[in-house]
Amino acid sequence: MSAESTFTRSAIKYLRCPVERVQIIENSGAFELSAIKDGVIILLALWSGPSVIAIAHYTSTLADPELELDPEIPVYIGDIDTLTNDQAPILSPRGTCGVGEAAFFKNGVSEANMVGMNQQVKFVETWRSLFG
């Protein structure tokens, strides 16, 4: 068995930023949301075209030097299929559908959520409003 799971290999394939810019969470259920002070979790559903497109869109903003998004703010890519029943409503209050859910944390609290493709502008606006 290789060191990287199928989820990790697939997530890397869909990124539009350097892989070093994100932390890939293979088992979201084992990840402690309380460990996030400031950061963003983007949920990836490998079985969903809209989710794959959303990952590409969100991570393209991270790679754009003109946007100047703080590289010190952690970004996590989590497997939507491994979320627990406790995590899902925090990360996506409207429900997890596999269409590009993202949750922004500030001071350990989920402050903003978004769903869907073509959300690059909202992603950047939310990032700047929370992290500067």
C-alpha atoms as a PDB file:
ATOM      1  CA  MET A   1       0.000   0.000   0.000  1.00  0.00           C
ATOM      2  CA  SER A   2       1.372   3.400  -0.910  1.00  0.00           C
ATOM      3  CA  ALA A   3       1.976   6.128   1.644  1.00  0.00           C
ATOM      4  CA  GLU A   4      -0.700   8.302   0.048  1.00  0.00           C
ATOM      5  CA  SER A   5      -4.328   7.265   0.006  1.00  0.00           C
ATOM      6  CA  THR A   6      -6.566   7.451  -3.027  1.00  0.00           C
ATOM      7  CA  PHE A   7      -8.186  10.517  -1.472  1.00  0.00           C
ATOM      8  CA  THR A   8      -4.854  12.310  -1.080  1.00  0.00           C
ATOM      9  CA  ARG A   9      -3.671  11.468  -4.593  1.00  0.00           C
ATOM     10  CA  SER A  10      -6.976  12.623  -6.062  1.00  0.00           C
ATOM     11  CA  ALA A  11      -7.091  15.814  -3.990  1.00  0.00           C
ATOM     12  CA  ILE A  12      -3.583  16.727  -5.125  1.00  0.00           C
ATOM     13  CA  LYS A  13      -4.622  16.190  -8.741  1.00  0.00           C
ATOM     14  CA  TYR A  14      -7.435  18.759  -8.420  1.00  0.00           C
ATOM     15  CA  LEU A  15      -5.462  21.461  -6.572  1.00  0.00           C
ATOM     16  CA  ARG A  16      -4.591  24.675  -8.396  1.00  0.00           C
ATOM     17  CA  CYS A  17      -2.069  25.769  -5.772  1.00  0.00           C
ATOM     18  CA  PRO A  18       1.140  24.143  -4.545  1.00  0.00           C
ATOM     19  CA  VAL A  19       0.346  21.077  -2.453  1.00  0.00           C
ATOM     20  CA  GLU A  20       2.455  22.560   0.349  1.00  0.00           C
ATOM     21  CA  ARG A  21      -0.136  25.348   0.698  1.00  0.00           C
ATOM     22  CA  VAL A  22      -2.822  22.977   2.005  1.00  0.00           C
ATOM     23  CA  GLN A  23      -3.142  20.195   4.543  1.00  0.00           C
ATOM     24  CA  ILE A  24      -5.066  17.202   3.285  1.00  0.00           C
ATOM     25  CA  ILE A  25      -7.230  15.444   5.847  1.00  0.00           C
ATOM     26  CA  GLU A  26      -7.876  11.881   4.751  1.00  0.00           C
ATOM     27  CA  ASN A  27     -10.112  11.067   7.694  1.00  0.00           C
ATOM     28  CA  SER A  28     -12.147  14.133   8.553  1.00  0.00           C
ATOM     29  CA  GLY A  29     -13.835  12.244  11.374  1.00  0.00           C
ATOM     30  CA  ALA A  30     -10.514  11.853  13.170  1.00  0.00           C
ATOM     31  CA  PHE A  31      -9.676  15.552  12.757  1.00  0.00           C
ATOM     32  CA  GLU A  32     -10.410  17.775  15.740  1.00  0.00           C
ATOM     33  CA  LEU A  33     -12.109  20.966  14.610  1.00  0.00           C
ATOM     34  CA  SER A  34     -11.147  22.482  17.958  1.00  0.00           C
ATOM     35  CA  ALA A  35      -7.527  22.402  16.763  1.00  0.00           C
ATOM     36  CA  ILE A  36      -8.281  25.209  14.293  1.00  0.00           C
ATOM     37  CA  LYS A  37      -7.695  28.698  15.624  1.00  0.00           C
ATOM     38  CA  ASP A  38      -7.854  30.502  12.281  1.00  0.00           C
ATOM     39  CA  GLY A  39      -8.202  28.694   8.971  1.00  0.00           C
ATOM     40  CA  VAL A  40     -10.386  27.310   6.227  1.00  0.00           C
ATOM     41  CA  ILE A  41     -11.674  23.794   5.637  1.00  0.00           C
ATOM     42  CA  ILE A  42     -12.759  22.953   2.118  1.00  0.00           C
ATOM     43  CA  LEU A  43     -14.724  19.720   1.815  1.00  0.00           C
ATOM     44  CA  LEU A  44     -14.002  17.533  -1.187  1.00  0.00           C
ATOM     45  CA  ALA A  45     -16.397  14.902  -2.482  1.00  0.00           C
ATOM     46  CA  LEU A  46     -14.415  12.923  -5.046  1.00  0.00           C
ATOM     47  CA  TRP A  47     -17.645  11.569  -6.550  1.00  0.00           C
ATOM     48  CA  SER A  48     -18.992  15.058  -7.295  1.00  0.00           C
ATOM     49  CA  GLY A  49     -18.072  17.121 -10.329  1.00  0.00           C
ATOM     50  CA  PRO A  50     -19.204  20.387  -8.677  1.00  0.00           C
ATOM     51  CA  SER A  51     -17.043  19.638  -5.632  1.00  0.00           C
ATOM     52  CA  VAL A  52     -13.975  18.929  -7.770  1.00  0.00           C
ATOM     53  CA  ILE A  53     -14.544  22.158  -9.711  1.00  0.00           C
ATOM     54  CA  ALA A  54     -14.995  24.108  -6.455  1.00  0.00           C
ATOM     55  CA  ILE A  55     -11.668  22.793  -5.097  1.00  0.00           C
ATOM     56  CA  ALA A  56      -9.941  23.980  -8.255  1.00  0.00           C
ATOM     57  CA  HIS A  57     -11.608  27.387  -7.993  1.00  0.00           C
ATOM     58  CA  TYR A  58     -10.919  27.903  -4.283  1.00  0.00           C
ATOM     59  CA  THR A  59      -7.304  26.770  -4.508  1.00  0.00           C
ATOM     60  CA  SER A  60      -6.668  28.903  -7.597  1.00  0.00           C
ATOM     61  CA  THR A  61      -7.254  31.938  -5.370  1.00  0.00           C
ATOM     62  CA  LEU A  62      -4.565  30.681  -2.995  1.00  0.00           C
ATOM     63  CA  ALA A  63      -2.088  30.504  -5.872  1.00  0.00           C
ATOM     64  CA  ASP A  64      -2.806  33.997  -7.202  1.00  0.00           C
ATOM     65  CA  PRO A  65      -0.045  36.325  -5.913  1.00  0.00           C
ATOM     66  CA  GLU A  66      -2.085  39.412  -6.822  1.00  0.00           C
ATOM     67  CA  LEU A  67      -4.738  38.482  -4.254  1.00  0.00           C
ATOM     68  CA  GLU A  68      -2.170  38.463  -1.426  1.00  0.00           C
ATOM     69  CA  LEU A  69      -4.026  35.949   0.757  1.00  0.00           C
ATOM     70  CA  ASP A  70      -1.992  35.381   3.905  1.00  0.00           C
ATOM     71  CA  PRO A  71      -0.016  32.148   3.420  1.00  0.00           C
ATOM     72  CA  GLU A  72       0.179  31.697   7.196  1.00  0.00           C
ATOM     73  CA  ILE A  73      -3.565  30.976   7.417  1.00  0.00           C
ATOM     74  CA  PRO A  74      -3.962  27.199   7.202  1.00  0.00           C
ATOM     75  CA  VAL A  75      -6.182  25.655   4.569  1.00  0.00           C
ATOM     76  CA  TYR A  76      -7.405  22.102   5.000  1.00  0.00           C
ATOM     77  CA  ILE A  77      -8.926  19.839   2.371  1.00  0.00           C
ATOM     78  CA  GLY A  78     -11.224  17.328   4.064  1.00  0.00           C
ATOM     79  CA  ASP A  79     -12.914  14.205   2.761  1.00  0.00           C
ATOM     80  CA  ILE A  80     -16.658  14.870   2.935  1.00  0.00           C
ATOM     81  CA  ASP A  81     -17.345  11.128   3.126  1.00  0.00           C
ATOM     82  CA  THR A  82     -15.541  10.776   6.468  1.00  0.00           C
ATOM     83  CA  LEU A  83     -17.287  13.596   8.353  1.00  0.00           C
ATOM     84  CA  THR A  84     -18.974  12.756  11.628  1.00  0.00           C
ATOM     85  CA  ASN A  85     -22.551  13.721  12.451  1.00  0.00           C
ATOM     86  CA  ASP A  86     -21.131  16.295  14.891  1.00  0.00           C
ATOM     87  CA  GLN A  87     -18.816  17.907  12.336  1.00  0.00           C
ATOM     88  CA  ALA A  88     -21.208  18.192   9.393  1.00  0.00           C
ATOM     89  CA  PRO A  89     -23.499  20.945  10.783  1.00  0.00           C
ATOM     90  CA  ILE A  90     -20.492  23.026  11.864  1.00  0.00           C
ATOM     91  CA  LEU A  91     -18.787  22.805   8.488  1.00  0.00           C
ATOM     92  CA  SER A  92     -21.914  23.111   6.381  1.00  0.00           C
ATOM     93  CA  PRO A  93     -24.992  24.284   8.319  1.00  0.00           C
ATOM     94  CA  ARG A  94     -27.217  23.928   5.236  1.00  0.00           C
ATOM     95  CA  GLY A  95     -26.199  20.303   4.845  1.00  0.00           C
ATOM     96  CA  THR A  96     -23.342  18.543   3.134  1.00  0.00           C
ATOM     97  CA  CYS A  97     -24.181  17.848  -0.477  1.00  0.00           C
ATOM     98  CA  GLY A  98     -20.751  17.545  -2.067  1.00  0.00           C
ATOM     99  CA  VAL A  99     -20.960  20.772  -4.035  1.00  0.00           C
ATOM    100  CA  GLY A 100     -17.951  22.670  -2.740  1.00  0.00           C
ATOM    101  CA  GLU A 101     -18.602  23.406   0.919  1.00  0.00           C
ATOM    102  CA  ALA A 102     -16.062  25.600   2.720  1.00  0.00           C
ATOM    103  CA  ALA A 103     -15.964  26.767   6.343  1.00  0.00           C
ATOM    104  CA  PHE A 104     -13.931  29.680   7.693  1.00  0.00           C
ATOM    105  CA  PHE A 105     -12.754  29.614  11.302  1.00  0.00           C
ATOM    106  CA  LYS A 106     -11.682  32.669  13.296  1.00  0.00           C
ATOM    107  CA  ASN A 107     -10.507  32.363  16.899  1.00  0.00           C
ATOM    108  CA  GLY A 108     -11.662  28.748  16.972  1.00  0.00           C
ATOM    109  CA  VAL A 109     -15.230  29.472  15.843  1.00  0.00           C
ATOM    110  CA  SER A 110     -16.827  28.720  12.484  1.00  0.00           C
ATOM    111  CA  GLU A 111     -17.623  32.248  11.318  1.00  0.00           C
ATOM    112  CA  ALA A 112     -18.631  31.786   7.691  1.00  0.00           C
ATOM    113  CA  ASN A 113     -19.648  29.046   5.304  1.00  0.00           C
ATOM    114  CA  MET A 114     -20.131  28.838   1.574  1.00  0.00           C
ATOM    115  CA  VAL A 115     -21.389  26.270  -0.865  1.00  0.00           C
ATOM    116  CA  GLY A 116     -20.997  25.862  -4.579  1.00  0.00           C
ATOM    117  CA  MET A 117     -18.847  26.402  -7.589  1.00  0.00           C
ATOM    118  CA  ASN A 118     -17.820  29.801  -8.935  1.00  0.00           C
ATOM    119  CA  GLN A 119     -17.425  31.240  -5.450  1.00  0.00           C
ATOM    120  CA  GLN A 120     -13.889  32.616  -5.885  1.00  0.00           C
ATOM    121  CA  VAL A 121     -14.967  36.229  -5.294  1.00  0.00           C
ATOM    122  CA  LYS A 122     -16.929  35.321  -2.157  1.00  0.00           C
ATOM    123  CA  PHE A 123     -14.015  33.133  -0.982  1.00  0.00           C
ATOM    124  CA  VAL A 124     -11.593  36.063  -1.273  1.00  0.00           C
ATOM    125  CA  GLU A 125     -14.032  38.550   0.288  1.00  0.00           C
ATOM    126  CA  THR A 126     -14.691  36.238   3.240  1.00  0.00           C
ATOM    127  CA  TRP A 127     -10.958  35.559   3.655  1.00  0.00           C
ATOM    128  CA  ARG A 128     -10.149  39.257   3.724  1.00  0.00           C
ATOM    129  CA  SER A 129     -12.984  40.125   6.109  1.00  0.00           C
ATOM    130  CA  LEU A 130     -11.816  37.501   8.622  1.00  0.00           C
ATOM    131  CA  PHE A 131      -8.051  37.375   8.186  1.00  0.00           C
ATOM    132  CA  GLY A 132      -7.157  40.738   6.644  1.00  0.00           C
END
